[in-house]
N, C-alpha and C. Protein backbone atom coordinates (compact mmCIF):
# COMPACT_ATOMS: atom_id res chain seq x y z
N MET A 1 106.17 73.23 145.35
CA MET A 1 106.83 75.19 146.24
C MET A 1 104.65 75.02 145.58
N ARG A 2 104.65 76.31 147.50
CA ARG A 2 103.73 76.08 147.87
C ARG A 2 103.87 78.14 147.86
N ARG A 3 102.53 78.58 147.06
CA ARG A 3 102.35 80.30 146.68
C ARG A 3 102.09 80.52 147.92
N ARG A 4 102.14 82.13 148.52
CA ARG A 4 101.64 82.22 149.25
C ARG A 4 100.83 83.87 148.49
N PRO A 5 100.38 83.77 150.06
CA PRO A 5 99.01 85.30 149.56
C PRO A 5 100.21 86.15 149.25
N GLY A 6 100.18 87.04 148.07
CA GLY A 6 100.90 88.52 147.67
C GLY A 6 102.21 88.28 146.98
N ASP A 7 102.28 87.15 146.40
CA ASP A 7 103.06 86.36 145.98
C ASP A 7 102.98 87.50 144.25
N ASP A 8 104.17 87.50 143.43
CA ASP A 8 103.79 88.46 142.49
C ASP A 8 104.37 87.69 141.42
N ASP A 9 104.69 87.01 141.80
CA ASP A 9 105.10 85.90 140.20
C ASP A 9 104.18 84.92 139.68
N GLU A 10 103.19 85.11 139.09
CA GLU A 10 102.34 84.80 138.49
C GLU A 10 102.74 84.11 137.34
N PRO A 11 102.38 83.26 136.44
CA PRO A 11 102.89 82.94 135.02
C PRO A 11 102.54 84.17 133.99
N ASP A 12 101.33 84.26 134.52
CA ASP A 12 101.20 84.99 133.02
C ASP A 12 101.84 87.09 133.47
N ALA A 13 102.39 86.71 134.41
CA ALA A 13 102.69 88.76 134.59
C ALA A 13 104.10 88.89 133.79
N GLU A 14 104.83 88.41 133.77
CA GLU A 14 105.17 89.63 132.20
C GLU A 14 105.26 89.51 130.96
N LEU A 15 103.52 88.13 130.69
CA LEU A 15 102.95 88.93 129.12
C LEU A 15 102.09 89.93 129.25
N ARG A 16 101.44 90.35 130.95
CA ARG A 16 100.67 91.30 131.48
C ARG A 16 101.40 93.14 131.64
N LEU A 17 102.74 92.97 131.24
CA LEU A 17 104.27 93.80 131.95
C LEU A 17 103.91 94.00 130.34
N ALA A 18 104.71 92.72 129.96
CA ALA A 18 104.65 93.22 127.92
C ALA A 18 103.65 94.09 127.76
N PHE A 19 102.78 92.95 128.03
CA PHE A 19 101.81 94.75 127.09
C PHE A 19 101.29 95.52 127.44
N THR A 20 101.80 95.60 128.30
CA THR A 20 100.79 96.88 129.05
C THR A 20 101.91 98.48 129.15
N ARG A 21 102.92 97.98 128.16
CA ARG A 21 104.54 98.93 127.23
C ARG A 21 104.21 98.78 126.15
N VAL A 22 102.56 98.72 125.31
CA VAL A 22 102.92 98.65 124.06
C VAL A 22 100.96 99.76 123.59
N PRO A 23 101.86 101.09 123.40
CA PRO A 23 100.34 101.86 123.40
C PRO A 23 98.76 101.28 123.29
N ALA A 24 97.99 101.71 123.71
CA ALA A 24 96.80 101.21 124.14
C ALA A 24 96.17 101.31 122.71
N ARG A 25 96.41 101.86 121.97
CA ARG A 25 95.81 102.45 120.48
C ARG A 25 96.65 101.03 119.45
N ALA A 26 98.03 100.89 119.77
CA ALA A 26 98.04 99.19 119.46
C ALA A 26 97.83 97.81 119.57
N ARG A 27 97.66 98.13 121.44
CA ARG A 27 97.18 96.93 121.26
C ARG A 27 96.70 95.25 120.98
N ARG A 28 95.42 96.49 120.87
CA ARG A 28 93.89 95.45 119.73
C ARG A 28 94.66 94.47 118.29
N TYR A 29 96.07 95.43 118.20
CA TYR A 29 96.96 94.90 116.65
C TYR A 29 97.34 93.94 117.38
N LEU A 30 97.68 94.01 117.92
CA LEU A 30 99.05 92.37 118.03
C LEU A 30 98.06 91.25 118.85
N GLN A 31 96.84 92.06 119.55
CA GLN A 31 96.90 90.82 120.58
C GLN A 31 95.94 89.96 119.15
N GLY A 32 95.34 90.23 118.30
CA GLY A 32 94.52 89.51 117.13
C GLY A 32 95.96 89.04 116.74
N ALA A 33 97.20 89.56 115.79
CA ALA A 33 97.76 88.89 115.32
C ALA A 33 98.59 88.31 115.79
N LEU A 34 98.54 87.92 117.25
CA LEU A 34 99.03 87.19 118.03
C LEU A 34 97.42 85.43 118.36
N ILE A 35 96.78 86.04 118.03
CA ILE A 35 95.72 85.37 117.95
C ILE A 35 95.33 84.45 116.41
N VAL A 36 95.72 85.36 115.41
CA VAL A 36 95.58 84.36 115.11
C VAL A 36 97.59 84.06 114.39
N GLY A 37 98.56 83.92 114.60
CA GLY A 37 99.35 83.20 114.47
C GLY A 37 99.25 82.54 115.60
N ALA A 38 98.77 82.39 116.38
CA ALA A 38 99.02 81.23 117.10
C ALA A 38 97.86 79.41 116.45
N THR A 39 96.88 80.30 116.05
CA THR A 39 96.25 79.38 115.51
C THR A 39 96.51 79.00 114.27
N ILE A 40 97.38 79.92 113.23
CA ILE A 40 98.13 79.03 112.36
C ILE A 40 99.01 77.78 112.15
N THR A 41 99.72 78.46 114.11
CA THR A 41 100.81 78.01 114.40
C THR A 41 100.60 76.47 114.63
N VAL A 42 99.85 76.51 115.30
CA VAL A 42 99.10 75.15 116.03
C VAL A 42 98.64 74.28 114.91
N ILE A 43 98.05 75.09 113.67
CA ILE A 43 97.69 73.90 112.51
C ILE A 43 98.46 73.34 111.76
N ALA A 44 99.43 74.28 112.00
CA ALA A 44 100.67 73.82 111.30
C ALA A 44 101.47 72.52 111.23
N ILE A 45 102.02 73.23 113.00
CA ILE A 45 102.65 72.07 113.58
C ILE A 45 102.56 70.37 113.39
N PRO A 46 101.65 70.73 113.67
CA PRO A 46 101.65 68.47 112.74
C PRO A 46 101.46 68.23 112.02
N LEU A 47 101.63 68.61 110.63
CA LEU A 47 101.98 69.08 109.28
C LEU A 47 103.37 68.60 109.07
N ILE A 48 104.13 69.81 109.84
CA ILE A 48 106.01 70.31 109.80
C ILE A 48 106.14 68.97 110.06
N ALA A 49 105.00 67.98 111.61
CA ALA A 49 106.04 67.00 112.14
C ALA A 49 105.86 65.72 110.91
N ARG A 50 105.13 65.74 110.25
CA ARG A 50 104.76 64.99 109.55
C ARG A 50 105.33 64.68 107.97
N ARG A 51 105.90 65.51 108.02
CA ARG A 51 106.60 65.54 107.51
C ARG A 51 107.93 64.39 106.97
N GLY A 52 107.69 63.82 105.77
CA GLY A 52 108.50 63.11 104.68
C GLY A 52 108.18 61.53 106.06
N THR A 53 106.99 61.75 106.74
CA THR A 53 106.96 59.86 107.10
C THR A 53 105.47 59.25 106.43
N GLN A 54 104.82 60.22 105.54
CA GLN A 54 104.27 59.62 104.85
C GLN A 54 104.50 59.03 103.05
N PRO A 55 104.54 58.61 101.97
CA PRO A 55 104.31 58.04 101.05
C PRO A 55 103.74 59.27 100.41
N PRO A 56 104.13 59.50 98.91
CA PRO A 56 104.39 59.92 98.18
C PRO A 56 102.97 60.10 97.60
N SER A 57 101.38 59.06 97.60
CA SER A 57 100.65 59.22 96.67
C SER A 57 99.78 60.48 97.86
N LYS A 58 100.13 61.49 98.77
CA LYS A 58 99.50 62.10 99.75
C LYS A 58 100.29 62.52 99.97
N ALA A 59 100.23 64.25 99.21
CA ALA A 59 100.74 65.33 98.36
C ALA A 59 100.79 65.94 99.04
N ILE A 60 99.85 66.71 100.20
CA ILE A 60 99.49 67.60 101.26
C ILE A 60 100.64 67.42 101.76
N VAL A 61 100.49 66.31 102.85
CA VAL A 61 102.11 66.32 103.87
C VAL A 61 103.88 66.41 102.86
N LEU A 62 103.11 66.43 101.69
CA LEU A 62 105.34 66.46 100.85
C LEU A 62 105.19 68.16 101.20
N ARG A 63 104.44 69.00 101.03
CA ARG A 63 104.68 70.82 100.63
C ARG A 63 105.63 71.18 101.82
N ASP A 64 106.31 71.96 102.19
CA ASP A 64 107.29 72.79 102.78
C ASP A 64 106.44 73.98 103.45
N TRP A 65 105.55 72.91 104.76
CA TRP A 65 105.11 74.36 105.44
C TRP A 65 105.22 75.03 106.35
N ALA A 66 106.67 74.55 107.00
CA ALA A 66 107.61 75.57 107.55
C ALA A 66 107.68 76.84 106.54
N ALA A 67 108.26 76.41 105.15
CA ALA A 67 108.11 77.55 104.47
C ALA A 67 106.76 78.38 104.17
N ASN A 68 105.62 77.56 104.26
CA ASN A 68 103.53 78.25 104.35
C ASN A 68 103.69 78.96 106.18
N LEU A 69 104.50 78.50 106.45
CA LEU A 69 103.95 78.94 108.26
C LEU A 69 104.43 80.48 108.23
N SER A 70 105.99 80.46 107.77
CA SER A 70 106.20 81.44 107.95
C SER A 70 105.49 82.29 107.26
N LEU A 71 105.73 82.32 105.50
CA LEU A 71 104.67 82.77 104.62
C LEU A 71 103.31 83.76 105.45
N LEU A 72 102.76 82.51 106.19
CA LEU A 72 101.45 83.41 106.80
C LEU A 72 101.78 84.33 107.98
N LEU A 73 102.36 84.03 108.45
CA LEU A 73 102.65 84.67 109.74
C LEU A 73 103.46 85.75 110.03
N GLY A 74 104.47 86.20 108.71
CA GLY A 74 104.41 87.36 107.90
C GLY A 74 103.06 88.23 107.45
N LEU A 75 102.61 86.99 106.46
CA LEU A 75 101.24 88.51 106.00
C LEU A 75 100.62 88.57 106.97
N THR A 76 100.77 87.37 108.29
CA THR A 76 99.85 88.10 110.12
C THR A 76 100.25 89.32 110.39
N VAL A 77 101.18 89.12 111.22
CA VAL A 77 102.31 90.54 111.46
C VAL A 77 102.34 91.87 109.97
N ALA A 78 102.13 92.29 108.74
CA ALA A 78 101.64 92.82 108.06
C ALA A 78 100.71 93.28 107.94
N VAL A 79 100.15 92.45 107.83
CA VAL A 79 97.50 93.18 107.72
C VAL A 79 97.82 93.34 109.18
N ALA A 80 98.38 93.23 110.10
CA ALA A 80 98.05 94.09 111.73
C ALA A 80 99.21 95.48 111.74
N LEU A 81 100.06 95.81 111.00
CA LEU A 81 100.51 96.80 110.75
C LEU A 81 100.37 97.73 109.72
N ILE A 82 99.92 96.99 108.99
CA ILE A 82 98.90 98.47 107.67
C ILE A 82 97.69 98.81 108.71
N LEU A 83 96.58 97.38 109.70
CA LEU A 83 96.05 98.17 110.12
C LEU A 83 95.88 98.95 111.21
N TYR A 84 96.98 99.40 111.52
CA TYR A 84 97.64 100.13 112.41
C TYR A 84 97.76 101.02 111.91
N ALA A 85 98.95 101.20 111.01
CA ALA A 85 99.06 102.27 110.21
C ALA A 85 97.80 102.99 110.33
N PHE A 86 96.97 102.77 109.70
CA PHE A 86 95.91 103.28 109.19
C PHE A 86 94.93 104.01 109.77
N ARG A 87 94.47 102.69 111.38
CA ARG A 87 94.50 103.80 112.45
C ARG A 87 95.07 105.24 112.70
N VAL A 88 96.63 105.20 112.66
CA VAL A 88 97.55 106.42 113.41
C VAL A 88 96.83 107.40 112.60
N LEU A 89 96.61 107.18 111.06
CA LEU A 89 96.71 107.56 109.86
C LEU A 89 95.22 108.77 110.25
N ARG A 90 94.43 107.67 110.57
CA ARG A 90 92.68 108.56 110.87
C ARG A 90 92.50 109.36 111.87
N ASP A 91 93.37 108.41 113.26
CA ASP A 91 93.21 109.84 114.64
C ASP A 91 94.06 110.81 114.77
N GLN A 92 95.11 111.48 113.06
CA GLN A 92 95.87 112.11 112.63
C GLN A 92 95.26 113.35 111.99
N GLN A 93 93.72 112.72 111.66
CA GLN A 93 93.49 112.98 110.87
C GLN A 93 92.87 114.21 111.27
N PRO A 94 92.18 115.58 110.64
CA PRO A 94 91.19 116.41 111.87
C PRO A 94 89.35 116.02 111.85
N ALA A 95 88.78 116.68 112.24
CA ALA A 95 87.48 116.03 112.77
C ALA A 95 86.85 115.63 111.80
N GLY A 96 86.85 117.00 111.30
CA GLY A 96 86.01 116.66 109.96
C GLY A 96 86.30 115.83 108.70
N ALA A 97 87.51 115.22 108.67
CA ALA A 97 88.14 114.46 107.15
C ALA A 97 87.73 113.75 106.98
N PHE A 98 87.12 112.65 108.19
CA PHE A 98 86.22 111.55 107.62
C PHE A 98 84.44 112.20 107.58
N PRO A 99 83.62 112.16 106.54
CA PRO A 99 82.76 111.93 107.07
C PRO A 99 81.67 110.70 107.21
N ASP A 100 81.42 110.87 108.18
CA ASP A 100 80.24 109.59 108.55
C ASP A 100 79.64 109.39 107.97
N ASP A 101 79.66 107.67 107.90
CA ASP A 101 78.60 107.11 106.32
C ASP A 101 77.64 107.02 106.93
N ASP A 102 76.35 107.38 107.92
CA ASP A 102 75.08 107.73 108.36
C ASP A 102 74.58 108.27 107.61
N ALA A 103 75.27 109.92 107.36
CA ALA A 103 74.63 110.80 107.08
C ALA A 103 74.70 111.55 105.88
N THR A 104 73.60 110.90 104.92
CA THR A 104 73.18 110.99 103.65
C THR A 104 72.02 111.54 103.72
């Protein structure tokens, strides 16, 4: 199928639309969590796929990588949410509430 100039069906158009609906302040935390989550998932998928294919002497393959992946992804989301909450709280403070570190 040929693409015509002016077609709006770009492959990443939906992803871009989703990111524009996220507030700008939260976007960096969402993007960071997605990058970390994707990296963790790329590393864990081969280990999950190999489960049960190796002898017991290779103990690293015998771990429950799916549970570990879920735990790490949950921790990634929790850290991103905590960092975002700190940012929101910091932005709501009056201007002089946080003294500069350099003003000593």
